[in-house]
PDB file of N, CA and C in Angstrom:
ATOM      1  N   MET A   1       0.474  -8.516 -15.228  1.00  0.00           N
ATOM      2  CA  MET A   1      -0.264  -7.517 -15.648  1.00  0.00           C
ATOM      3  C   MET A   1      -0.223  -6.217 -16.993  1.00  0.00           C
ATOM      4  N   GLY A   2      -1.389  -6.236 -16.728  1.00  0.00           N
ATOM      5  CA  GLY A   2      -1.675  -5.501 -18.394  1.00  0.00           C
ATOM      6  C   GLY A   2      -1.887  -4.531 -18.454  1.00  0.00           C
ATOM      7  N   ALA A   3      -2.001  -4.028 -19.764  1.00  0.00           N
ATOM      8  CA  ALA A   3      -1.921  -2.365 -19.435  1.00  0.00           C
ATOM      9  C   ALA A   3      -3.103  -1.353 -19.146  1.00  0.00           C
ATOM     10  N   GLY A   4      -3.915  -2.498 -18.734  1.00  0.00           N
ATOM     11  CA  GLY A   4      -5.220  -1.820 -18.277  1.00  0.00           C
ATOM     12  C   GLY A   4      -4.514  -1.391 -16.525  1.00  0.00           C
ATOM     13  N   ALA A   5      -4.266  -2.676 -16.538  1.00  0.00           N
ATOM     14  CA  ALA A   5      -4.009  -2.800 -14.841  1.00  0.00           C
ATOM     15  C   ALA A   5      -2.264  -0.779 -14.497  1.00  0.00           C
ATOM     16  N   ARG A   6      -2.133  -1.587 -15.233  1.00  0.00           N
ATOM     17  CA  ARG A   6      -1.266  -0.547 -15.345  1.00  0.00           C
ATOM     18  C   ARG A   6      -1.348   1.033 -14.595  1.00  0.00           C
ATOM     19  N   ALA A   7      -2.343   1.463 -15.958  1.00  0.00           N
ATOM     20  CA  ALA A   7      -2.645   2.534 -15.934  1.00  0.00           C
ATOM     21  C   ALA A   7      -3.370   3.076 -14.612  1.00  0.00           C
ATOM     22  N   ALA A   8      -4.007   1.927 -14.178  1.00  0.00           N
ATOM     23  CA  ALA A   8      -5.244   1.609 -12.789  1.00  0.00           C
ATOM     24  C   ALA A   8      -3.907   2.095 -11.433  1.00  0.00           C
ATOM     25  N   ILE A   9      -2.413   1.728 -11.612  1.00  0.00           N
ATOM     26  CA  ILE A   9      -1.716   1.642 -11.049  1.00  0.00           C
ATOM     27  C   ILE A   9      -1.687   3.209 -10.539  1.00  0.00           C
ATOM     28  N   ARG A  10      -1.449   3.961 -12.322  1.00  0.00           N
ATOM     29  CA  ARG A  10      -0.463   4.710 -12.197  1.00  0.00           C
ATOM     30  C   ARG A  10      -1.722   5.795 -11.404  1.00  0.00           C
ATOM     31  N   ALA A  11      -2.444   5.780 -12.626  1.00  0.00           N
ATOM     32  CA  ALA A  11      -3.885   6.586 -11.877  1.00  0.00           C
ATOM     33  C   ALA A  11      -3.570   6.619 -10.170  1.00  0.00           C
ATOM     34  N   LEU A  12      -3.968   5.454  -9.381  1.00  0.00           N
ATOM     35  CA  LEU A  12      -3.649   5.993  -7.756  1.00  0.00           C
ATOM     36  C   LEU A  12      -2.142   6.538  -7.902  1.00  0.00           C
ATOM     37  N   THR A  13      -1.617   6.076  -7.727  1.00  0.00           N
ATOM     38  CA  THR A  13      -0.075   6.708  -7.663  1.00  0.00           C
ATOM     39  C   THR A  13      -0.423   8.049  -8.189  1.00  0.00           C
ATOM     40  N   ILE A  14       0.784   8.255  -9.469  1.00  0.00           N
ATOM     41  CA  ILE A  14       2.015   9.972  -9.579  1.00  0.00           C
ATOM     42  C   ILE A  14       0.359  10.270 -10.322  1.00  0.00           C
ATOM     43  N   ASP A  15      -0.069   9.779 -10.881  1.00  0.00           N
ATOM     44  CA  ASP A  15      -2.016  10.598 -11.469  1.00  0.00           C
ATOM     45  C   ASP A  15      -2.890  11.315 -10.121  1.00  0.00           C
ATOM     46  N   ALA A  16      -2.519  10.978  -9.339  1.00  0.00           N
ATOM     47  CA  ALA A  16      -3.934  11.484  -8.082  1.00  0.00           C
ATOM     48  C   ALA A  16      -1.441  12.198  -7.554  1.00  0.00           C
ATOM     49  N   ALA A  17      -1.121  12.007  -7.320  1.00  0.00           N
ATOM     50  CA  ALA A  17       0.330  13.197  -6.592  1.00  0.00           C
ATOM     51  C   ALA A  17      -0.191  14.044  -7.833  1.00  0.00           C
ATOM     52  N   GLU A  18       0.034  14.303  -9.119  1.00  0.00           N
ATOM     53  CA  GLU A  18       0.271  15.901  -9.598  1.00  0.00           C
ATOM     54  C   GLU A  18      -1.465  16.408  -9.852  1.00  0.00           C
ATOM     55  N   ILE A  19      -2.446  14.976  -9.676  1.00  0.00           N
ATOM     56  CA  ILE A  19      -3.488  16.432  -9.792  1.00  0.00           C
ATOM     57  C   ILE A  19      -3.754  17.059  -8.406  1.00  0.00           C
ATOM     58  N   LEU A  20      -3.358  16.711  -7.190  1.00  0.00           N
ATOM     59  CA  LEU A  20      -3.445  16.637  -6.258  1.00  0.00           C
ATOM     60  C   LEU A  20      -2.111  18.158  -5.573  1.00  0.00           C
ATOM     61  N   GLY A  21      -1.336  18.043  -6.521  1.00  0.00           N
ATOM     62  CA  GLY A  21      -0.300  18.803  -6.970  1.00  0.00           C
ATOM     63  C   GLY A  21       0.680  18.346  -6.231  1.00  0.00           C
ATOM     64  N   VAL A  22       1.013  17.376  -5.497  1.00  0.00           N
ATOM     65  CA  VAL A  22       2.559  17.394  -4.384  1.00  0.00           C
ATOM     66  C   VAL A  22       2.950  15.636  -5.722  1.00  0.00           C
ATOM     67  N   GLY A  23       3.137  16.819  -6.722  1.00  0.00           N
ATOM     68  CA  GLY A  23       3.905  15.312  -7.055  1.00  0.00           C
ATOM     69  C   GLY A  23       5.406  14.613  -7.123  1.00  0.00           C
ATOM     70  N   SER A  24       5.908  15.864  -6.955  1.00  0.00           N
ATOM     71  CA  SER A  24       6.830  16.741  -6.715  1.00  0.00           C
ATOM     72  C   SER A  24       7.666  15.803  -5.387  1.00  0.00           C
ATOM     73  N   ARG A  25       6.673  15.763  -4.450  1.00  0.00           N
ATOM     74  CA  ARG A  25       7.002  15.313  -3.125  1.00  0.00           C
ATOM     75  C   ARG A  25       6.411  13.218  -3.018  1.00  0.00           C
ATOM     76  N   LEU A  26       5.221  13.273  -3.842  1.00  0.00           N
ATOM     77  CA  LEU A  26       4.835  12.017  -2.908  1.00  0.00           C
ATOM     78  C   LEU A  26       4.154  11.177  -4.915  1.00  0.00           C
ATOM     79  N   GLY A  27       3.967   9.943  -4.666  1.00  0.00           N
ATOM     80  CA  GLY A  27       3.358   9.210  -6.270  1.00  0.00           C
ATOM     81  C   GLY A  27       4.345   8.058  -6.628  1.00  0.00           C
ATOM     82  N   SER A  28       5.815   8.408  -6.329  1.00  0.00           N
ATOM     83  CA  SER A  28       6.012   7.376  -7.719  1.00  0.00           C
ATOM     84  C   SER A  28       7.982   7.522  -6.184  1.00  0.00           C
ATOM     85  N   ILE A  29       8.800   6.328  -6.773  1.00  0.00           N
ATOM     86  CA  ILE A  29       9.354   5.856  -5.765  1.00  0.00           C
ATOM     87  C   ILE A  29      10.321   6.360  -6.706  1.00  0.00           C
ATOM     88  N   GLU A  30      10.931   7.737  -6.157  1.00  0.00           N
ATOM     89  CA  GLU A  30      12.449   9.122  -6.819  1.00  0.00           C
ATOM     90  C   GLU A  30      13.017   9.461  -5.445  1.00  0.00           C
ATOM     91  N   PRO A  31      14.146   8.978  -5.627  1.00  0.00           N
ATOM     92  CA  PRO A  31      15.196   9.688  -4.724  1.00  0.00           C
ATOM     93  C   PRO A  31      14.928  11.550  -3.801  1.00  0.00           C
ATOM     94  N   GLY A  32      14.536  12.032  -2.354  1.00  0.00           N
ATOM     95  CA  GLY A  32      14.103  13.195  -3.154  1.00  0.00           C
ATOM     96  C   GLY A  32      12.468  12.646  -2.299  1.00  0.00           C
ATOM     97  N   LYS A  33      11.962  11.775  -2.269  1.00  0.00           N
ATOM     98  CA  LYS A  33      10.427  11.848  -2.738  1.00  0.00           C
ATOM     99  C   LYS A  33       9.699  10.991  -1.373  1.00  0.00           C
ATOM    100  N   ALA A  34       9.299  11.029  -0.419  1.00  0.00           N
ATOM    101  CA  ALA A  34       8.714  10.728   1.321  1.00  0.00           C
ATOM    102  C   ALA A  34       8.299   8.759   0.289  1.00  0.00           C
ATOM    103  N   ALA A  35       8.820   7.836   1.290  1.00  0.00           N
ATOM    104  CA  ALA A  35       9.682   6.612   1.057  1.00  0.00           C
ATOM    105  C   ALA A  35       7.675   6.586   1.610  1.00  0.00           C
ATOM    106  N   ASN A  36       6.535   6.070   0.121  1.00  0.00           N
ATOM    107  CA  ASN A  36       5.420   5.543   1.375  1.00  0.00           C
ATOM    108  C   ASN A  36       4.776   4.398   0.358  1.00  0.00           C
ATOM    109  N   LEU A  37       5.277   3.529   0.592  1.00  0.00           N
ATOM    110  CA  LEU A  37       4.744   2.241  -0.723  1.00  0.00           C
ATOM    111  C   LEU A  37       3.403   1.466   0.258  1.00  0.00           C
ATOM    112  N   ILE A  38       3.762   0.036  -0.661  1.00  0.00           N
ATOM    113  CA  ILE A  38       3.047  -0.880  -0.232  1.00  0.00           C
ATOM    114  C   ILE A  38       3.383  -2.040  -0.337  1.00  0.00           C
ATOM    115  N   VAL A  39       3.896  -2.735  -0.070  1.00  0.00           N
ATOM    116  CA  VAL A  39       4.758  -4.856  -0.442  1.00  0.00           C
ATOM    117  C   VAL A  39       3.488  -5.534  -0.493  1.00  0.00           C
ATOM    118  N   THR A  40       2.987  -5.836  -2.255  1.00  0.00           N
ATOM    119  CA  THR A  40       2.013  -7.031  -1.822  1.00  0.00           C
ATOM    120  C   THR A  40       2.608  -8.401  -2.255  1.00  0.00           C
ATOM    121  N   ARG A  41       1.583  -9.223  -1.947  1.00  0.00           N
ATOM    122  CA  ARG A  41       1.931 -10.742  -2.520  1.00  0.00           C
ATOM    123  C   ARG A  41       0.474 -11.242  -3.790  1.00  0.00           C
ATOM    124  N   GLY A  42       0.604 -11.151  -5.312  1.00  0.00           N
ATOM    125  CA  GLY A  42       0.146 -10.738  -5.554  1.00  0.00           C
ATOM    126  C   GLY A  42      -0.715 -10.065  -6.732  1.00  0.00           C
ATOM    127  N   ASP A  43      -1.940  -9.032  -7.015  1.00  0.00           N
ATOM    128  CA  ASP A  43      -2.033  -8.610  -7.468  1.00  0.00           C
ATOM    129  C   ASP A  43      -2.209  -7.433  -6.795  1.00  0.00           C
ATOM    130  N   PRO A  44      -1.881  -6.606  -6.469  1.00  0.00           N
ATOM    131  CA  PRO A  44      -2.242  -5.218  -5.550  1.00  0.00           C
ATOM    132  C   PRO A  44      -3.705  -4.528  -6.144  1.00  0.00           C
ATOM    133  N   LEU A  45      -4.029  -5.075  -6.956  1.00  0.00           N
ATOM    134  CA  LEU A  45      -5.506  -4.334  -7.080  1.00  0.00           C
ATOM    135  C   LEU A  45      -6.851  -5.784  -7.304  1.00  0.00           C
ATOM    136  N   ASP A  46      -6.543  -6.928  -6.545  1.00  0.00           N
ATOM    137  CA  ASP A  46      -7.125  -7.699  -6.721  1.00  0.00           C
ATOM    138  C   ASP A  46      -7.668  -7.885  -5.225  1.00  0.00           C
ATOM    139  N   VAL A  47      -8.335  -7.851  -5.108  1.00  0.00           N
ATOM    140  CA  VAL A  47      -9.100  -7.862  -3.972  1.00  0.00           C
ATOM    141  C   VAL A  47      -8.094  -9.293  -2.637  1.00  0.00           C
ATOM    142  N   ARG A  48      -8.019 -10.070  -3.019  1.00  0.00           N
ATOM    143  CA  ARG A  48      -7.619 -11.988  -2.537  1.00  0.00           C
ATOM    144  C   ARG A  48      -5.938 -11.187  -2.515  1.00  0.00           C
ATOM    145  N   GLY A  49      -5.679 -10.374  -2.668  1.00  0.00           N
ATOM    146  CA  GLY A  49      -3.794  -9.704  -3.159  1.00  0.00           C
ATOM    147  C   GLY A  49      -3.555 -10.195  -1.520  1.00  0.00           C
ATOM    148  N   GLU A  50      -2.735  -9.890  -1.095  1.00  0.00           N
ATOM    149  CA  GLU A  50      -1.963 -10.184   0.521  1.00  0.00           C
ATOM    150  C   GLU A  50      -0.873  -9.265   1.188  1.00  0.00           C
ATOM    151  N   VAL A  51      -1.921  -8.006   1.452  1.00  0.00           N
ATOM    152  CA  VAL A  51      -0.454  -6.972   1.446  1.00  0.00           C
ATOM    153  C   VAL A  51       0.892  -6.965   3.557  1.00  0.00           C
ATOM    154  N   THR A  52       2.439  -7.063   2.578  1.00  0.00           N
ATOM    155  CA  THR A  52       2.861  -8.245   3.515  1.00  0.00           C
ATOM    156  C   THR A  52       3.105  -7.116   4.878  1.00  0.00           C
ATOM    157  N   HIS A  53       3.795  -5.820   3.593  1.00  0.00           N
ATOM    158  CA  HIS A  53       3.803  -4.393   4.547  1.00  0.00           C
ATOM    159  C   HIS A  53       3.875  -3.330   4.106  1.00  0.00           C
ATOM    160  N   VAL A  54       3.670  -2.653   4.808  1.00  0.00           N
ATOM    161  CA  VAL A  54       3.238  -0.762   4.920  1.00  0.00           C
ATOM    162  C   VAL A  54       4.911   0.316   5.210  1.00  0.00           C
ATOM    163  N   VAL A  55       5.086   0.136   3.965  1.00  0.00           N
ATOM    164  CA  VAL A  55       6.543   1.621   4.868  1.00  0.00           C
ATOM    165  C   VAL A  55       5.846   3.380   4.255  1.00  0.00           C
ATOM    166  N   ILE A  56       6.357   3.975   5.590  1.00  0.00           N
ATOM    167  CA  ILE A  56       5.370   5.164   5.989  1.00  0.00           C
ATOM    168  C   ILE A  56       7.332   6.080   5.663  1.00  0.00           C
ATOM    169  N   ASN A  57       6.885   7.243   5.130  1.00  0.00           N
ATOM    170  CA  ASN A  57       7.479   8.110   5.694  1.00  0.00           C
ATOM    171  C   ASN A  57       8.758   6.693   5.939  1.00  0.00           C
ATOM    172  N   GLY A  58       9.690   6.230   5.023  1.00  0.00           N
ATOM    173  CA  GLY A  58      11.332   5.495   4.838  1.00  0.00           C
ATOM    174  C   GLY A  58      10.788   4.559   6.355  1.00  0.00           C
ATOM    175  N   ARG A  59       9.767   4.600   6.571  1.00  0.00           N
ATOM    176  CA  ARG A  59       9.519   3.135   8.272  1.00  0.00           C
ATOM    177  C   ARG A  59       8.970   1.908   7.608  1.00  0.00           C
ATOM    178  N   ASP A  60       8.843   0.901   7.767  1.00  0.00           N
ATOM    179  CA  ASP A  60       8.013  -0.779   8.091  1.00  0.00           C
ATOM    180  C   ASP A  60       7.098  -0.493   9.101  1.00  0.00           C
ATOM    181  N   VAL A  61       6.281  -0.661   8.979  1.00  0.00           N
ATOM    182  CA  VAL A  61       4.483   0.089   9.942  1.00  0.00           C
ATOM    183  C   VAL A  61       4.943  -1.644  10.090  1.00  0.00           C
ATOM    184  N   GLY A  62       4.114  -1.739  11.282  1.00  0.00           N
ATOM    185  CA  GLY A  62       3.507  -3.076  11.652  1.00  0.00           C
ATOM    186  C   GLY A  62       2.147  -2.995  10.901  1.00  0.00           C
ATOM    187  N   LEU A  63       1.804  -4.416  10.734  1.00  0.00           N
ATOM    188  CA  LEU A  63       0.275  -4.096   9.890  1.00  0.00           C
ATOM    189  C   LEU A  63      -0.402  -5.073  11.788  1.00  0.00           C
ATOM    190  N   GLU A  64      -0.152  -5.358  12.412  1.00  0.00           N
ATOM    191  CA  GLU A  64      -1.135  -5.457  13.857  1.00  0.00           C
ATOM    192  C   GLU A  64      -2.380  -4.927  14.218  1.00  0.00           C
ATOM    193  N   SER A  65      -3.266  -5.457  14.258  1.00  0.00           N
ATOM    194  CA  SER A  65      -4.522  -4.030  15.070  1.00  0.00           C
ATOM    195  C   SER A  65      -4.925  -4.982  15.724  1.00  0.00           C
ATOM    196  N   LYS A  66      -5.548  -4.010  16.689  1.00  0.00           N
ATOM    197  CA  LYS A  66      -6.518  -4.452  17.726  1.00  0.00           C
ATOM    198  C   LYS A  66      -7.170  -5.607  17.223  1.00  0.00           C
ATOM    199  N   HIS A  67      -7.926  -5.580  15.649  1.00  0.00           N
ATOM    200  CA  HIS A  67      -9.275  -6.041  15.676  1.00  0.00           C
ATOM    201  C   HIS A  67      -8.344  -8.007  15.254  1.00  0.00           C
ATOM    202  N   LEU A  68      -7.307  -7.751  14.259  1.00  0.00           N
ATOM    203  CA  LEU A  68      -6.343  -8.814  14.460  1.00  0.00           C
ATOM    204  C   LEU A  68      -5.776  -9.765  15.876  1.00  0.00           C
ATOM    205  N   ALA A  69      -5.813  -8.949  16.768  1.00  0.00           N
ATOM    206  CA  ALA A  69      -4.832  -9.331  18.355  1.00  0.00           C
ATOM    207  C   ALA A  69      -6.133 -10.274  18.470  1.00  0.00           C
ATOM    208  N   LEU A  70      -7.330  -9.185  18.430  1.00  0.00           N
ATOM    209  CA  LEU A  70      -8.642 -10.437  19.902  1.00  0.00           C
ATOM    210  C   LEU A  70      -8.649 -11.386  18.376  1.00  0.00           C
ATOM    211  N   TYR A  71      -8.651 -11.347  17.423  1.00  0.00           N
ATOM    212  CA  TYR A  71      -9.542 -12.333  16.758  1.00  0.00           C
ATOM    213  C   TYR A  71      -8.510 -13.418  16.644  1.00  0.00           C
ATOM    214  N   GLU A  72      -6.831 -13.078  17.151  1.00  0.00           N
ATOM    215  CA  GLU A  72      -6.172 -14.129  17.069  1.00  0.00           C
ATOM    216  C   GLU A  72      -6.531 -15.066  18.421  1.00  0.00           C
ATOM    217  N   ARG A  73      -6.595 -13.909  19.621  1.00  0.00           N
ATOM    218  CA  ARG A  73      -6.397 -14.515  20.582  1.00  0.00           C
ATOM    219  C   ARG A  73      -8.032 -15.413  21.619  1.00  0.00           C
ATOM    220  N   TYR A  74      -9.015 -15.071  20.343  1.00  0.00           N
ATOM    221  CA  TYR A  74     -10.687 -15.191  20.317  1.00  0.00           C
ATOM    222  C   TYR A  74     -10.814 -16.814  19.819  1.00  0.00           C
ATOM    223  N   LEU A  75      -9.668 -16.994  18.458  1.00  0.00           N
ATOM    224  CA  LEU A  75      -9.450 -17.562  17.987  1.00  0.00           C
ATOM    225  C   LEU A  75     -10.104 -19.262  18.310  1.00  0.00           C
ATOM    226  N   GLY A  76      -8.925 -19.819  19.691  1.00  0.00           N
ATOM    227  CA  GLY A  76      -8.933 -20.963  19.477  1.00  0.00           C
ATOM    228  C   GLY A  76     -10.272 -21.431  20.637  1.00  0.00           C
ATOM    229  N   ARG A  77     -11.030 -20.240  21.020  1.00  0.00           N
ATOM    230  CA  ARG A  77     -12.896 -20.327  21.871  1.00  0.00           C
ATOM    231  C   ARG A  77     -12.907 -20.588  21.100  1.00  0.00           C
ATOM    232  N   GLN A  78     -14.196 -21.377  21.795  1.00  0.00           N
ATOM    233  CA  GLN A  78     -15.129 -22.312  21.655  1.00  0.00           C
ATOM    234  C   GLN A  78     -16.339 -22.543  22.273  1.00  0.00           C
TER     235      GLN A  78
END
Protein backbone atom coordinates (compact mmCIF):
# COMPACT_ATOMS: atom_id res chain seq x y z
CA MET A 1 0.00 0.00 0.00
CA GLY A 2 1.59 3.26 -1.14
CA ALA A 3 1.52 6.70 0.45
CA GLY A 4 -1.58 7.66 -1.55
CA ALA A 5 -3.50 4.62 -0.31
CA ARG A 6 -2.45 5.30 3.29
CA ALA A 7 -3.68 8.88 2.99
CA ALA A 8 -6.98 7.65 1.54
CA ILE A 9 -7.51 5.17 4.39
CA ARG A 10 -6.68 7.91 6.91
CA ALA A 11 -9.17 10.26 5.21
CA LEU A 12 -11.89 7.61 5.57
CA THR A 13 -11.10 6.81 9.21
CA ILE A 14 -9.15 9.08 11.54
CA ASP A 15 -9.57 12.34 9.61
CA ALA A 16 -13.31 11.78 9.07
CA ALA A 17 -13.85 11.06 12.78
CA GLU A 18 -11.94 14.19 13.75
CA ILE A 19 -13.90 16.37 11.29
CA LEU A 20 -17.16 15.04 12.74
CA GLY A 21 -15.96 15.70 16.29
CA VAL A 22 -15.97 12.04 17.35
CA GLY A 23 -12.24 11.37 17.08
CA SER A 24 -12.02 10.54 20.78
CA ARG A 25 -14.46 7.64 20.27
CA LEU A 26 -14.01 6.53 16.65
CA GLY A 27 -11.58 6.49 13.75
CA SER A 28 -8.73 4.27 14.93
CA ILE A 29 -8.07 1.07 16.84
CA GLU A 30 -7.17 2.16 20.37
CA PRO A 31 -8.24 1.21 23.90
CA GLY A 32 -11.42 3.01 24.88
CA LYS A 33 -12.66 3.53 21.32
CA ALA A 34 -15.56 1.71 19.68
CA ALA A 35 -14.37 -1.43 17.94
CA ASN A 36 -15.87 -0.89 14.49
CA LEU A 37 -13.79 -2.30 11.65
CA ILE A 38 -13.74 -4.35 8.50
CA VAL A 39 -11.35 -7.13 7.56
CA THR A 40 -10.68 -7.58 3.87
CA ARG A 41 -8.85 -10.01 1.64
CA GLY A 42 -6.91 -7.63 -0.57
CA ASP A 43 -6.87 -3.86 -0.72
CA PRO A 44 -9.93 -2.36 1.03
CA LEU A 45 -9.96 0.49 -1.52
CA ASP A 46 -10.01 -1.89 -4.49
CA VAL A 47 -13.45 -2.91 -5.74
CA ARG A 48 -12.08 -6.46 -6.17
CA GLY A 49 -11.22 -6.69 -2.47
CA GLU A 50 -13.40 -9.09 -0.51
CA VAL A 51 -14.79 -8.14 2.89
CA THR A 52 -14.37 -11.21 5.12
CA HIS A 53 -15.49 -9.83 8.52
CA VAL A 54 -17.34 -6.81 9.87
CA VAL A 55 -17.01 -5.92 13.55
CA ILE A 56 -19.41 -3.39 15.09
CA ASN A 57 -19.07 -2.44 18.76
CA GLY A 58 -16.68 -5.36 19.22
CA ARG A 59 -19.10 -7.97 17.85
CA ASP A 60 -18.59 -9.94 14.66
CA VAL A 61 -21.54 -9.17 12.39
CA GLY A 62 -22.59 -11.78 9.87
CA LEU A 63 -22.30 -10.93 6.21
CA GLU A 64 -25.43 -12.82 5.26
CA SER A 65 -28.25 -10.90 3.64
CA LYS A 66 -31.65 -11.69 2.19
CA HIS A 67 -30.29 -10.99 -1.30
CA LEU A 68 -27.37 -13.39 -0.87
CA ALA A 69 -29.63 -16.09 0.56
CA LEU A 70 -32.02 -15.80 -2.40
CA TYR A 71 -29.11 -15.80 -4.85
CA GLU A 72 -27.71 -19.00 -3.36
CA ARG A 73 -31.17 -20.58 -3.17
CA TYR A 74 -31.95 -20.03 -6.84
CA LEU A 75 -28.43 -20.35 -8.24
CA GLY A 76 -28.88 -23.94 -9.35
CA ARG A 77 -32.32 -23.39 -10.80
CA GLN A 78 -32.59 -23.35 -14.57
